[in-house]
Amino acid sequence: MVRRTKEEALATRDSILDAAEHLFARDGVSRTSLQHIASACGLTRGAIYWHFRDKGELFNEMMNRATLPMEALRQPAGAAPLDPVAEVRSWVLGAFRLTVTDPRTRRVFEIATHKVEYVDELSAVRERHLARYNQWVTRAEKCLKAAIAQGLLTPKVSARTAARGLWALADGLIQFWLLDPRGFDLRRMGTELVDCYLDSLRPAGTTVRPARR
């Protein structure tokens, strides 16, 4: 009986998060109240408070259960890829693939970038973005430094600057695609732009893109 009660509570919590996710994506965070979420779940507002202290906590939990595009497919710490340029390339192309194929990733990323103001109780999301950005850039910088040491890239700019530029390219392209998903093929255009960017860092006469079968 206790186990069933816990399972029911978790199911209710998940239904609240699902409803919040869809309402935030449709109407924006500031225009979505706890009452709106409760009504969408067929619950009372008091039931929402049983699971979440306030809308800020509910929002942060919704964010925590999702993987955003540039948070996925990172090389495990300590691992040394044989081709560090191809490794970084795969992270970015994986972010494009995840954005296109995973509805939750797409919705939550859109909420976090287009549907929320980072104020008061929602400031934790801004901190998460900064933390993930710094982690990704630091790891990409390590790979790009290794690529420079191997002669795969030329040090036209610092490895950290190159890593930041790659993040800006990918993150910005994803955000723009979300405004008009029918406007262009994110995976195709993203691949072309990432390859062009990385090629610009290579020694003359070489490319980063793998041979196509």
N, C-alpha and C. Protein backbone atom coordinates (compact mmCIF):
# COMPACT_ATOMS: atom_id res chain seq x y z
N MET A 1 0.84 -1.21 0.00
CA MET A 1 0.00 0.00 0.00
C MET A 1 0.87 1.25 0.00
N VAL A 2 1.97 1.23 0.85
CA VAL A 2 2.86 2.38 0.91
C VAL A 2 3.54 2.59 -0.43
N ARG A 3 3.97 1.44 -1.04
CA ARG A 3 4.62 1.54 -2.34
C ARG A 3 3.68 2.11 -3.38
N ARG A 4 2.44 1.68 -3.36
CA ARG A 4 1.46 2.19 -4.32
C ARG A 4 1.25 3.69 -4.12
N THR A 5 1.20 4.11 -2.85
CA THR A 5 1.02 5.53 -2.56
C THR A 5 2.19 6.34 -3.10
N LYS A 6 3.41 5.82 -2.93
CA LYS A 6 4.58 6.52 -3.45
C LYS A 6 4.56 6.59 -4.97
N GLU A 7 4.18 5.49 -5.59
CA GLU A 7 4.10 5.47 -7.05
C GLU A 7 3.05 6.45 -7.55
N GLU A 8 1.92 6.53 -6.86
CA GLU A 8 0.86 7.46 -7.25
C GLU A 8 1.33 8.90 -7.09
N ALA A 9 2.07 9.15 -6.00
CA ALA A 9 2.58 10.50 -5.77
C ALA A 9 3.57 10.90 -6.86
N LEU A 10 4.43 9.97 -7.26
CA LEU A 10 5.40 10.25 -8.32
C LEU A 10 4.70 10.47 -9.65
N ALA A 11 3.66 9.67 -9.89
CA ALA A 11 2.89 9.83 -11.13
C ALA A 11 2.22 11.19 -11.17
N THR A 12 1.66 11.62 -10.03
CA THR A 12 1.02 12.94 -9.97
C THR A 12 2.04 14.04 -10.18
N ARG A 13 3.20 13.88 -9.55
CA ARG A 13 4.27 14.88 -9.70
C ARG A 13 4.70 14.99 -11.16
N ASP A 14 4.84 13.86 -11.83
CA ASP A 14 5.23 13.87 -13.23
C ASP A 14 4.15 14.53 -14.10
N SER A 15 2.88 14.28 -13.76
CA SER A 15 1.80 14.88 -14.55
C SER A 15 1.80 16.39 -14.38
N ILE A 16 2.13 16.87 -13.19
CA ILE A 16 2.23 18.32 -12.95
C ILE A 16 3.36 18.91 -13.79
N LEU A 17 4.51 18.24 -13.78
CA LEU A 17 5.66 18.72 -14.55
C LEU A 17 5.37 18.70 -16.05
N ASP A 18 4.68 17.65 -16.50
CA ASP A 18 4.31 17.57 -17.92
C ASP A 18 3.40 18.74 -18.31
N ALA A 19 2.40 18.99 -17.48
CA ALA A 19 1.46 20.08 -17.77
C ALA A 19 2.18 21.43 -17.76
N ALA A 20 3.04 21.63 -16.77
CA ALA A 20 3.77 22.89 -16.69
C ALA A 20 4.65 23.08 -17.93
N GLU A 21 5.31 22.02 -18.34
CA GLU A 21 6.19 22.09 -19.51
C GLU A 21 5.42 22.55 -20.75
N HIS A 22 4.27 21.97 -20.98
CA HIS A 22 3.48 22.31 -22.16
C HIS A 22 2.89 23.72 -22.05
N LEU A 23 2.43 24.10 -20.86
CA LEU A 23 1.86 25.44 -20.70
C LEU A 23 2.93 26.52 -20.79
N PHE A 24 4.10 26.27 -20.19
CA PHE A 24 5.19 27.23 -20.29
C PHE A 24 5.60 27.42 -21.75
N ALA A 25 5.64 26.32 -22.50
CA ALA A 25 6.03 26.40 -23.91
C ALA A 25 4.99 27.16 -24.72
N ARG A 26 3.72 26.98 -24.39
CA ARG A 26 2.66 27.61 -25.16
C ARG A 26 2.45 29.07 -24.78
N ASP A 27 2.43 29.35 -23.46
CA ASP A 27 2.02 30.67 -22.99
C ASP A 27 3.14 31.50 -22.37
N GLY A 28 4.29 30.88 -22.11
CA GLY A 28 5.36 31.58 -21.40
C GLY A 28 5.26 31.35 -19.91
N VAL A 29 6.36 31.50 -19.22
CA VAL A 29 6.41 31.22 -17.78
C VAL A 29 5.63 32.26 -16.98
N SER A 30 5.84 33.53 -17.27
CA SER A 30 5.21 34.57 -16.47
C SER A 30 3.68 34.56 -16.60
N ARG A 31 3.16 34.12 -17.74
CA ARG A 31 1.71 34.12 -17.97
C ARG A 31 1.04 32.82 -17.54
N THR A 32 1.82 31.89 -17.05
CA THR A 32 1.27 30.61 -16.58
C THR A 32 1.27 30.59 -15.06
N SER A 33 0.10 30.45 -14.46
CA SER A 33 -0.01 30.42 -13.01
C SER A 33 -0.10 28.99 -12.51
N LEU A 34 0.07 28.81 -11.21
CA LEU A 34 -0.10 27.49 -10.63
C LEU A 34 -1.54 27.01 -10.81
N GLN A 35 -2.49 27.93 -10.82
CA GLN A 35 -3.87 27.54 -11.04
C GLN A 35 -4.08 26.99 -12.45
N HIS A 36 -3.41 27.61 -13.42
CA HIS A 36 -3.48 27.10 -14.79
C HIS A 36 -2.94 25.67 -14.86
N ILE A 37 -1.83 25.45 -14.19
CA ILE A 37 -1.21 24.11 -14.19
C ILE A 37 -2.11 23.11 -13.49
N ALA A 38 -2.65 23.52 -12.36
CA ALA A 38 -3.54 22.63 -11.60
C ALA A 38 -4.76 22.24 -12.44
N SER A 39 -5.34 23.21 -13.10
CA SER A 39 -6.53 22.93 -13.92
C SER A 39 -6.20 21.98 -15.06
N ALA A 40 -5.02 22.15 -15.66
CA ALA A 40 -4.62 21.27 -16.76
C ALA A 40 -4.43 19.83 -16.28
N CYS A 41 -4.09 19.66 -15.01
CA CYS A 41 -3.88 18.31 -14.44
C CYS A 41 -5.14 17.74 -13.81
N GLY A 42 -6.18 18.57 -13.68
CA GLY A 42 -7.36 18.11 -12.97
C GLY A 42 -7.15 18.07 -11.47
N LEU A 43 -6.27 18.96 -10.96
CA LEU A 43 -5.95 19.00 -9.53
C LEU A 43 -6.32 20.36 -8.95
N THR A 44 -6.24 20.45 -7.64
CA THR A 44 -6.42 21.74 -6.98
C THR A 44 -5.06 22.42 -6.85
N ARG A 45 -5.10 23.71 -6.62
CA ARG A 45 -3.84 24.43 -6.42
C ARG A 45 -3.12 23.91 -5.19
N GLY A 46 -3.89 23.51 -4.17
CA GLY A 46 -3.27 22.96 -2.96
C GLY A 46 -2.48 21.70 -3.25
N ALA A 47 -2.97 20.90 -4.20
CA ALA A 47 -2.25 19.68 -4.56
C ALA A 47 -0.90 20.01 -5.18
N ILE A 48 -0.83 21.11 -5.92
CA ILE A 48 0.45 21.53 -6.49
C ILE A 48 1.43 21.87 -5.37
N TYR A 49 0.92 22.57 -4.35
CA TYR A 49 1.80 22.97 -3.25
C TYR A 49 2.27 21.77 -2.42
N TRP A 50 1.55 20.67 -2.49
CA TRP A 50 1.99 19.47 -1.77
C TRP A 50 3.29 18.94 -2.38
N HIS A 51 3.46 19.17 -3.68
CA HIS A 51 4.63 18.66 -4.39
C HIS A 51 5.73 19.71 -4.59
N PHE A 52 5.33 20.98 -4.70
CA PHE A 52 6.29 22.04 -5.00
C PHE A 52 6.03 23.26 -4.13
N ARG A 53 7.09 23.87 -3.66
CA ARG A 53 6.96 25.01 -2.76
C ARG A 53 6.32 26.21 -3.46
N ASP A 54 6.72 26.45 -4.74
CA ASP A 54 6.19 27.57 -5.50
C ASP A 54 6.47 27.33 -6.98
N LYS A 55 6.10 28.28 -7.81
CA LYS A 55 6.29 28.10 -9.24
C LYS A 55 7.76 28.03 -9.60
N GLY A 56 8.60 28.73 -8.86
CA GLY A 56 10.03 28.69 -9.12
C GLY A 56 10.60 27.30 -8.93
N GLU A 57 10.21 26.63 -7.85
CA GLU A 57 10.70 25.28 -7.62
C GLU A 57 10.16 24.33 -8.69
N LEU A 58 8.90 24.48 -9.06
CA LEU A 58 8.31 23.64 -10.10
C LEU A 58 9.07 23.86 -11.42
N PHE A 59 9.34 25.09 -11.76
CA PHE A 59 10.05 25.39 -12.99
C PHE A 59 11.45 24.77 -12.98
N ASN A 60 12.16 24.90 -11.87
CA ASN A 60 13.51 24.36 -11.79
C ASN A 60 13.52 22.84 -11.89
N GLU A 61 12.53 22.19 -11.30
CA GLU A 61 12.44 20.74 -11.40
C GLU A 61 12.12 20.31 -12.82
N MET A 62 11.30 21.08 -13.51
CA MET A 62 11.02 20.79 -14.91
C MET A 62 12.30 20.88 -15.74
N MET A 63 13.11 21.88 -15.44
CA MET A 63 14.37 22.03 -16.16
C MET A 63 15.34 20.89 -15.83
N ASN A 64 15.36 20.47 -14.57
CA ASN A 64 16.32 19.47 -14.14
C ASN A 64 16.08 18.09 -14.75
N ARG A 65 14.86 17.80 -15.14
CA ARG A 65 14.60 16.47 -15.70
C ARG A 65 14.85 16.41 -17.20
N ALA A 66 15.20 17.54 -17.79
CA ALA A 66 15.46 17.58 -19.24
C ALA A 66 16.95 17.73 -19.51
N THR A 67 17.38 17.23 -20.64
CA THR A 67 18.74 17.43 -21.13
C THR A 67 18.68 18.43 -22.27
N LEU A 68 19.34 19.56 -22.10
CA LEU A 68 19.35 20.56 -23.15
C LEU A 68 20.38 20.19 -24.22
N PRO A 69 20.20 20.70 -25.43
CA PRO A 69 21.04 20.24 -26.55
C PRO A 69 22.53 20.24 -26.28
N MET A 70 23.08 21.34 -25.79
CA MET A 70 24.53 21.43 -25.63
C MET A 70 25.02 20.79 -24.32
N GLU A 71 24.10 20.18 -23.56
CA GLU A 71 24.51 19.45 -22.37
C GLU A 71 24.73 17.97 -22.67
N ALA A 72 24.31 17.53 -23.82
CA ALA A 72 24.35 16.11 -24.15
C ALA A 72 25.61 15.74 -24.92
N LEU A 73 25.92 14.46 -24.90
CA LEU A 73 26.97 13.89 -25.73
C LEU A 73 28.33 14.52 -25.48
N ARG A 74 28.65 14.80 -24.24
CA ARG A 74 29.97 15.31 -23.92
C ARG A 74 30.92 14.15 -23.64
N GLN A 75 32.19 14.32 -23.98
CA GLN A 75 33.20 13.30 -23.71
C GLN A 75 33.36 13.14 -22.21
N PRO A 76 33.33 11.91 -21.67
CA PRO A 76 33.53 11.71 -20.24
C PRO A 76 34.85 12.30 -19.78
N ALA A 77 34.84 12.86 -18.58
CA ALA A 77 36.06 13.48 -18.04
C ALA A 77 37.19 12.46 -18.00
N GLY A 78 38.38 12.88 -18.40
CA GLY A 78 39.54 12.01 -18.33
C GLY A 78 39.78 11.21 -19.59
N ALA A 79 38.80 11.05 -20.44
CA ALA A 79 38.97 10.28 -21.66
C ALA A 79 39.73 11.11 -22.69
N ALA A 80 40.55 10.47 -23.47
CA ALA A 80 41.34 11.16 -24.48
C ALA A 80 40.96 10.66 -25.86
N PRO A 81 40.16 11.41 -26.60
CA PRO A 81 39.74 10.96 -27.93
C PRO A 81 40.92 10.88 -28.89
N LEU A 82 40.88 9.92 -29.80
CA LEU A 82 41.94 9.77 -30.78
C LEU A 82 41.99 10.97 -31.72
N ASP A 83 40.83 11.48 -32.08
CA ASP A 83 40.75 12.66 -32.95
C ASP A 83 39.95 13.72 -32.21
N PRO A 84 40.62 14.63 -31.51
CA PRO A 84 39.89 15.61 -30.68
C PRO A 84 39.00 16.55 -31.48
N VAL A 85 39.38 16.85 -32.73
CA VAL A 85 38.53 17.73 -33.53
C VAL A 85 37.23 17.02 -33.90
N ALA A 86 37.36 15.76 -34.34
CA ALA A 86 36.16 14.98 -34.67
C ALA A 86 35.28 14.78 -33.44
N GLU A 87 35.89 14.69 -32.28
CA GLU A 87 35.12 14.51 -31.05
C GLU A 87 34.27 15.74 -30.75
N VAL A 88 34.87 16.91 -30.82
CA VAL A 88 34.12 18.15 -30.58
C VAL A 88 33.04 18.31 -31.63
N ARG A 89 33.37 18.00 -32.87
CA ARG A 89 32.39 18.06 -33.95
C ARG A 89 31.19 17.18 -33.65
N SER A 90 31.44 15.98 -33.14
CA SER A 90 30.34 15.05 -32.85
C SER A 90 29.45 15.57 -31.74
N TRP A 91 30.02 16.30 -30.76
CA TRP A 91 29.19 16.86 -29.70
C TRP A 91 28.18 17.84 -30.28
N VAL A 92 28.67 18.72 -31.15
CA VAL A 92 27.80 19.77 -31.69
C VAL A 92 26.75 19.16 -32.62
N LEU A 93 27.16 18.25 -33.50
CA LEU A 93 26.19 17.63 -34.39
C LEU A 93 25.18 16.80 -33.59
N GLY A 94 25.62 16.23 -32.48
CA GLY A 94 24.69 15.50 -31.61
C GLY A 94 23.66 16.43 -30.99
N ALA A 95 24.08 17.67 -30.68
CA ALA A 95 23.13 18.65 -30.14
C ALA A 95 22.07 19.00 -31.17
N PHE A 96 22.47 19.14 -32.42
CA PHE A 96 21.49 19.41 -33.48
C PHE A 96 20.52 18.24 -33.62
N ARG A 97 21.07 17.03 -33.61
CA ARG A 97 20.21 15.84 -33.75
C ARG A 97 19.21 15.76 -32.60
N LEU A 98 19.69 15.99 -31.38
CA LEU A 98 18.81 15.90 -30.22
C LEU A 98 17.70 16.95 -30.29
N THR A 99 18.04 18.14 -30.73
CA THR A 99 17.04 19.21 -30.84
C THR A 99 15.94 18.83 -31.83
N VAL A 100 16.33 18.25 -32.95
CA VAL A 100 15.36 17.91 -33.99
C VAL A 100 14.50 16.71 -33.61
N THR A 101 15.10 15.72 -32.94
CA THR A 101 14.41 14.44 -32.73
C THR A 101 13.74 14.28 -31.38
N ASP A 102 14.10 15.09 -30.39
CA ASP A 102 13.54 14.91 -29.05
C ASP A 102 12.61 16.07 -28.69
N PRO A 103 11.30 15.84 -28.66
CA PRO A 103 10.35 16.93 -28.38
C PRO A 103 10.56 17.60 -27.03
N ARG A 104 10.88 16.83 -25.99
CA ARG A 104 11.08 17.45 -24.67
C ARG A 104 12.30 18.36 -24.67
N THR A 105 13.39 17.90 -25.24
CA THR A 105 14.58 18.74 -25.33
C THR A 105 14.25 20.05 -26.03
N ARG A 106 13.52 19.94 -27.13
CA ARG A 106 13.16 21.11 -27.92
C ARG A 106 12.27 22.06 -27.12
N ARG A 107 11.25 21.52 -26.46
CA ARG A 107 10.32 22.37 -25.69
C ARG A 107 11.04 23.08 -24.56
N VAL A 108 11.81 22.34 -23.79
CA VAL A 108 12.44 22.92 -22.61
C VAL A 108 13.51 23.93 -23.01
N PHE A 109 14.25 23.65 -24.08
CA PHE A 109 15.24 24.62 -24.54
C PHE A 109 14.55 25.90 -25.00
N GLU A 110 13.42 25.75 -25.69
CA GLU A 110 12.68 26.93 -26.13
C GLU A 110 12.15 27.73 -24.94
N ILE A 111 11.66 27.03 -23.93
CA ILE A 111 11.20 27.72 -22.72
C ILE A 111 12.35 28.49 -22.09
N ALA A 112 13.49 27.82 -21.95
CA ALA A 112 14.63 28.42 -21.25
C ALA A 112 15.24 29.60 -22.00
N THR A 113 15.05 29.64 -23.31
CA THR A 113 15.66 30.71 -24.10
C THR A 113 14.68 31.79 -24.55
N HIS A 114 13.42 31.40 -24.76
CA HIS A 114 12.46 32.35 -25.34
C HIS A 114 11.25 32.65 -24.45
N LYS A 115 11.03 31.86 -23.41
CA LYS A 115 9.76 31.98 -22.67
C LYS A 115 9.93 32.28 -21.18
N VAL A 116 11.11 32.77 -20.76
CA VAL A 116 11.32 32.99 -19.34
C VAL A 116 12.20 34.21 -19.12
N GLU A 117 11.95 34.90 -18.01
CA GLU A 117 12.81 35.98 -17.56
C GLU A 117 13.59 35.48 -16.35
N TYR A 118 14.91 35.64 -16.35
CA TYR A 118 15.73 35.10 -15.28
C TYR A 118 15.75 36.05 -14.08
N VAL A 119 14.64 36.08 -13.35
CA VAL A 119 14.53 36.95 -12.19
C VAL A 119 14.06 36.13 -10.99
N ASP A 120 14.41 36.62 -9.82
CA ASP A 120 13.93 36.06 -8.56
C ASP A 120 14.08 34.55 -8.49
N GLU A 121 12.97 33.85 -8.32
CA GLU A 121 13.03 32.41 -8.08
C GLU A 121 13.45 31.62 -9.31
N LEU A 122 13.47 32.25 -10.48
CA LEU A 122 13.87 31.55 -11.70
C LEU A 122 15.34 31.77 -12.05
N SER A 123 16.07 32.48 -11.19
CA SER A 123 17.47 32.77 -11.47
C SER A 123 18.34 31.52 -11.48
N ALA A 124 17.86 30.44 -10.89
CA ALA A 124 18.64 29.20 -10.87
C ALA A 124 18.89 28.68 -12.28
N VAL A 125 17.97 28.97 -13.19
CA VAL A 125 18.13 28.52 -14.57
C VAL A 125 19.30 29.26 -15.23
N ARG A 126 19.42 30.53 -14.95
CA ARG A 126 20.55 31.30 -15.48
C ARG A 126 21.86 30.72 -14.97
N GLU A 127 21.88 30.38 -13.68
CA GLU A 127 23.09 29.80 -13.11
C GLU A 127 23.41 28.45 -13.76
N ARG A 128 22.38 27.67 -14.04
CA ARG A 128 22.59 26.39 -14.71
C ARG A 128 23.17 26.61 -16.10
N HIS A 129 22.64 27.57 -16.84
CA HIS A 129 23.15 27.85 -18.18
C HIS A 129 24.62 28.24 -18.13
N LEU A 130 24.97 29.10 -17.19
CA LEU A 130 26.35 29.54 -17.08
C LEU A 130 27.27 28.38 -16.70
N ALA A 131 26.80 27.54 -15.77
CA ALA A 131 27.62 26.41 -15.34
C ALA A 131 27.85 25.43 -16.49
N ARG A 132 26.77 25.10 -17.22
CA ARG A 132 26.90 24.16 -18.34
C ARG A 132 27.75 24.76 -19.46
N TYR A 133 27.57 26.04 -19.69
CA TYR A 133 28.38 26.71 -20.71
C TYR A 133 29.86 26.62 -20.37
N ASN A 134 30.21 26.95 -19.13
CA ASN A 134 31.61 26.91 -18.71
C ASN A 134 32.18 25.50 -18.76
N GLN A 135 31.37 24.50 -18.36
CA GLN A 135 31.83 23.11 -18.41
C GLN A 135 32.10 22.69 -19.85
N TRP A 136 31.16 23.01 -20.74
CA TRP A 136 31.31 22.61 -22.14
C TRP A 136 32.51 23.30 -22.78
N VAL A 137 32.64 24.59 -22.56
CA VAL A 137 33.74 25.34 -23.16
C VAL A 137 35.08 24.83 -22.63
N THR A 138 35.16 24.55 -21.33
CA THR A 138 36.41 24.04 -20.76
C THR A 138 36.80 22.70 -21.37
N ARG A 139 35.82 21.84 -21.54
CA ARG A 139 36.10 20.52 -22.11
C ARG A 139 36.44 20.63 -23.60
N ALA A 140 35.72 21.46 -24.33
CA ALA A 140 36.03 21.67 -25.74
C ALA A 140 37.41 22.31 -25.89
N GLU A 141 37.74 23.25 -25.01
CA GLU A 141 39.06 23.89 -25.04
C GLU A 141 40.16 22.84 -24.88
N LYS A 142 39.96 21.89 -23.99
CA LYS A 142 40.95 20.83 -23.78
C LYS A 142 41.16 20.03 -25.06
N CYS A 143 40.06 19.67 -25.74
CA CYS A 143 40.16 18.93 -26.99
C CYS A 143 40.85 19.75 -28.08
N LEU A 144 40.51 21.02 -28.17
CA LEU A 144 41.09 21.85 -29.20
C LEU A 144 42.57 22.11 -28.94
N LYS A 145 42.96 22.20 -27.68
CA LYS A 145 44.38 22.33 -27.35
C LYS A 145 45.14 21.08 -27.79
N ALA A 146 44.54 19.92 -27.55
CA ALA A 146 45.16 18.68 -27.98
C ALA A 146 45.28 18.64 -29.50
N ALA A 147 44.26 19.15 -30.19
CA ALA A 147 44.29 19.17 -31.65
C ALA A 147 45.40 20.08 -32.16
N ILE A 148 45.61 21.21 -31.50
CA ILE A 148 46.69 22.12 -31.88
C ILE A 148 48.04 21.44 -31.66
N ALA A 149 48.17 20.75 -30.52
CA ALA A 149 49.43 20.05 -30.22
C ALA A 149 49.72 18.96 -31.25
N GLN A 150 48.67 18.34 -31.79
CA GLN A 150 48.84 17.28 -32.78
C GLN A 150 48.99 17.82 -34.20
N GLY A 151 48.89 19.12 -34.36
CA GLY A 151 49.00 19.71 -35.68
C GLY A 151 47.73 19.62 -36.50
N LEU A 152 46.60 19.24 -35.85
CA LEU A 152 45.34 19.15 -36.57
C LEU A 152 44.69 20.51 -36.76
N LEU A 153 45.02 21.43 -35.87
CA LEU A 153 44.54 22.81 -35.97
C LEU A 153 45.72 23.75 -35.87
N THR A 154 45.57 24.94 -36.41
CA THR A 154 46.60 25.95 -36.27
C THR A 154 46.11 27.00 -35.27
N PRO A 155 47.01 27.49 -34.43
CA PRO A 155 46.59 28.42 -33.36
C PRO A 155 46.33 29.84 -33.87
N LYS A 156 45.30 29.99 -34.71
CA LYS A 156 44.93 31.31 -35.21
C LYS A 156 44.29 32.15 -34.10
N VAL A 157 43.57 31.48 -33.22
CA VAL A 157 43.03 32.09 -32.00
C VAL A 157 43.30 31.09 -30.88
N SER A 158 43.08 31.52 -29.64
CA SER A 158 43.29 30.60 -28.53
C SER A 158 42.25 29.48 -28.58
N ALA A 159 42.59 28.35 -28.01
CA ALA A 159 41.66 27.22 -27.99
C ALA A 159 40.38 27.59 -27.25
N ARG A 160 40.47 28.40 -26.23
CA ARG A 160 39.26 28.80 -25.48
C ARG A 160 38.37 29.70 -26.33
N THR A 161 38.99 30.62 -27.05
CA THR A 161 38.21 31.48 -27.94
C THR A 161 37.52 30.66 -29.02
N ALA A 162 38.23 29.68 -29.58
CA ALA A 162 37.64 28.81 -30.60
C ALA A 162 36.48 28.01 -30.02
N ALA A 163 36.63 27.53 -28.78
CA ALA A 163 35.56 26.77 -28.13
C ALA A 163 34.34 27.65 -27.90
N ARG A 164 34.56 28.88 -27.46
CA ARG A 164 33.45 29.80 -27.25
C ARG A 164 32.74 30.13 -28.56
N GLY A 165 33.51 30.29 -29.61
CA GLY A 165 32.91 30.57 -30.91
C GLY A 165 32.06 29.41 -31.39
N LEU A 166 32.52 28.20 -31.15
CA LEU A 166 31.76 27.02 -31.58
C LEU A 166 30.46 26.91 -30.80
N TRP A 167 30.51 27.19 -29.50
CA TRP A 167 29.28 27.20 -28.70
C TRP A 167 28.31 28.25 -29.23
N ALA A 168 28.82 29.46 -29.47
CA ALA A 168 27.96 30.54 -29.93
C ALA A 168 27.31 30.18 -31.26
N LEU A 169 28.07 29.56 -32.15
CA LEU A 169 27.53 29.16 -33.45
C LEU A 169 26.39 28.17 -33.27
N ALA A 170 26.65 27.12 -32.49
CA ALA A 170 25.66 26.05 -32.33
C ALA A 170 24.44 26.52 -31.54
N ASP A 171 24.67 27.18 -30.41
CA ASP A 171 23.57 27.62 -29.57
C ASP A 171 22.71 28.65 -30.29
N GLY A 172 23.36 29.56 -30.99
CA GLY A 172 22.60 30.57 -31.72
C GLY A 172 21.80 29.98 -32.87
N LEU A 173 22.38 29.01 -33.57
CA LEU A 173 21.67 28.39 -34.68
C LEU A 173 20.45 27.62 -34.19
N ILE A 174 20.60 26.92 -33.05
CA ILE A 174 19.45 26.20 -32.48
C ILE A 174 18.35 27.18 -32.10
N GLN A 175 18.72 28.28 -31.45
CA GLN A 175 17.71 29.25 -31.05
C GLN A 175 16.99 29.83 -32.27
N PHE A 176 17.74 30.13 -33.32
CA PHE A 176 17.11 30.69 -34.52
C PHE A 176 16.20 29.67 -35.18
N TRP A 177 16.62 28.39 -35.21
CA TRP A 177 15.80 27.34 -35.81
C TRP A 177 14.48 27.19 -35.07
N LEU A 178 14.51 27.34 -33.74
CA LEU A 178 13.28 27.20 -32.96
C LEU A 178 12.25 28.27 -33.32
N LEU A 179 12.70 29.41 -33.79
CA LEU A 179 11.77 30.46 -34.20
C LEU A 179 11.02 30.07 -35.47
N ASP A 180 11.65 29.24 -36.31
CA ASP A 180 11.02 28.84 -37.58
C ASP A 180 11.59 27.48 -38.01
N PRO A 181 11.13 26.38 -37.39
CA PRO A 181 11.68 25.06 -37.70
C PRO A 181 11.54 24.66 -39.16
N ARG A 182 10.60 25.25 -39.88
CA ARG A 182 10.44 24.93 -41.30
C ARG A 182 11.33 25.77 -42.20
N GLY A 183 12.00 26.72 -41.61
CA GLY A 183 12.79 27.65 -42.40
C GLY A 183 14.04 27.02 -43.00
N PHE A 184 14.64 26.06 -42.31
CA PHE A 184 15.83 25.39 -42.82
C PHE A 184 16.02 24.08 -42.07
N ASP A 185 16.85 23.23 -42.65
CA ASP A 185 17.17 21.93 -42.06
C ASP A 185 18.31 22.12 -41.07
N LEU A 186 18.00 22.05 -39.78
CA LEU A 186 19.00 22.34 -38.74
C LEU A 186 20.19 21.40 -38.84
N ARG A 187 19.94 20.12 -39.03
CA ARG A 187 21.05 19.18 -39.05
C ARG A 187 21.95 19.38 -40.27
N ARG A 188 21.34 19.61 -41.43
CA ARG A 188 22.14 19.80 -42.64
C ARG A 188 22.91 21.11 -42.59
N MET A 189 22.19 22.21 -42.31
CA MET A 189 22.87 23.50 -42.26
C MET A 189 23.86 23.56 -41.11
N GLY A 190 23.48 22.98 -39.97
CA GLY A 190 24.38 22.97 -38.83
C GLY A 190 25.68 22.25 -39.14
N THR A 191 25.58 21.10 -39.81
CA THR A 191 26.78 20.35 -40.19
C THR A 191 27.66 21.18 -41.11
N GLU A 192 27.05 21.83 -42.10
CA GLU A 192 27.82 22.64 -43.04
C GLU A 192 28.55 23.79 -42.33
N LEU A 193 27.86 24.46 -41.41
CA LEU A 193 28.46 25.61 -40.73
C LEU A 193 29.54 25.18 -39.74
N VAL A 194 29.30 24.08 -39.03
CA VAL A 194 30.32 23.59 -38.09
C VAL A 194 31.56 23.16 -38.85
N ASP A 195 31.38 22.46 -39.97
CA ASP A 195 32.53 22.05 -40.77
C ASP A 195 33.28 23.26 -41.32
N CYS A 196 32.54 24.25 -41.78
CA CYS A 196 33.17 25.46 -42.29
C CYS A 196 33.97 26.16 -41.18
N TYR A 197 33.39 26.23 -39.99
CA TYR A 197 34.07 26.87 -38.85
C TYR A 197 35.35 26.12 -38.49
N LEU A 198 35.25 24.80 -38.36
CA LEU A 198 36.42 24.02 -37.99
C LEU A 198 37.46 24.00 -39.10
N ASP A 199 37.01 23.97 -40.34
CA ASP A 199 37.95 24.03 -41.46
C ASP A 199 38.77 25.31 -41.43
N SER A 200 38.16 26.39 -40.96
CA SER A 200 38.87 27.67 -40.92
C SER A 200 40.01 27.66 -39.91
N LEU A 201 39.99 26.70 -38.99
CA LEU A 201 41.04 26.58 -37.97
C LEU A 201 42.11 25.56 -38.36
N ARG A 202 41.91 24.89 -39.50
CA ARG A 202 42.83 23.83 -39.91
C ARG A 202 43.99 24.39 -40.74
N PRO A 203 45.08 23.65 -40.79
CA PRO A 203 46.16 24.02 -41.71
C PRO A 203 45.64 24.03 -43.15
N ALA A 204 46.20 24.83 -43.99
CA ALA A 204 45.76 24.95 -45.37
C ALA A 204 45.78 23.59 -46.06
N GLY A 205 44.72 23.32 -46.82
CA GLY A 205 44.67 22.09 -47.60
C GLY A 205 44.11 20.89 -46.87
N THR A 206 43.64 21.07 -45.64
CA THR A 206 43.06 19.96 -44.89
C THR A 206 41.65 20.32 -44.45
N THR A 207 40.85 19.30 -44.13
CA THR A 207 39.48 19.51 -43.66
C THR A 207 39.22 18.64 -42.46
N VAL A 208 38.16 18.96 -41.69
CA VAL A 208 37.81 18.18 -40.52
C VAL A 208 36.75 17.13 -40.82
N ARG A 209 36.03 17.30 -41.91
CA ARG A 209 34.88 16.44 -42.12
C ARG A 209 35.33 15.04 -42.55
N PRO A 210 34.68 14.02 -42.01
CA PRO A 210 35.04 12.67 -42.37
C PRO A 210 34.57 12.34 -43.79
N ALA A 211 35.21 11.34 -44.40
CA ALA A 211 34.81 10.94 -45.73
C ALA A 211 33.40 10.35 -45.69
N ARG A 212 32.56 10.68 -46.67
CA ARG A 212 31.19 10.18 -46.73
C ARG A 212 31.15 8.87 -47.49
N ARG A 213 30.36 7.93 -46.97
CA ARG A 213 30.25 6.63 -47.62
C ARG A 213 29.08 6.64 -48.59
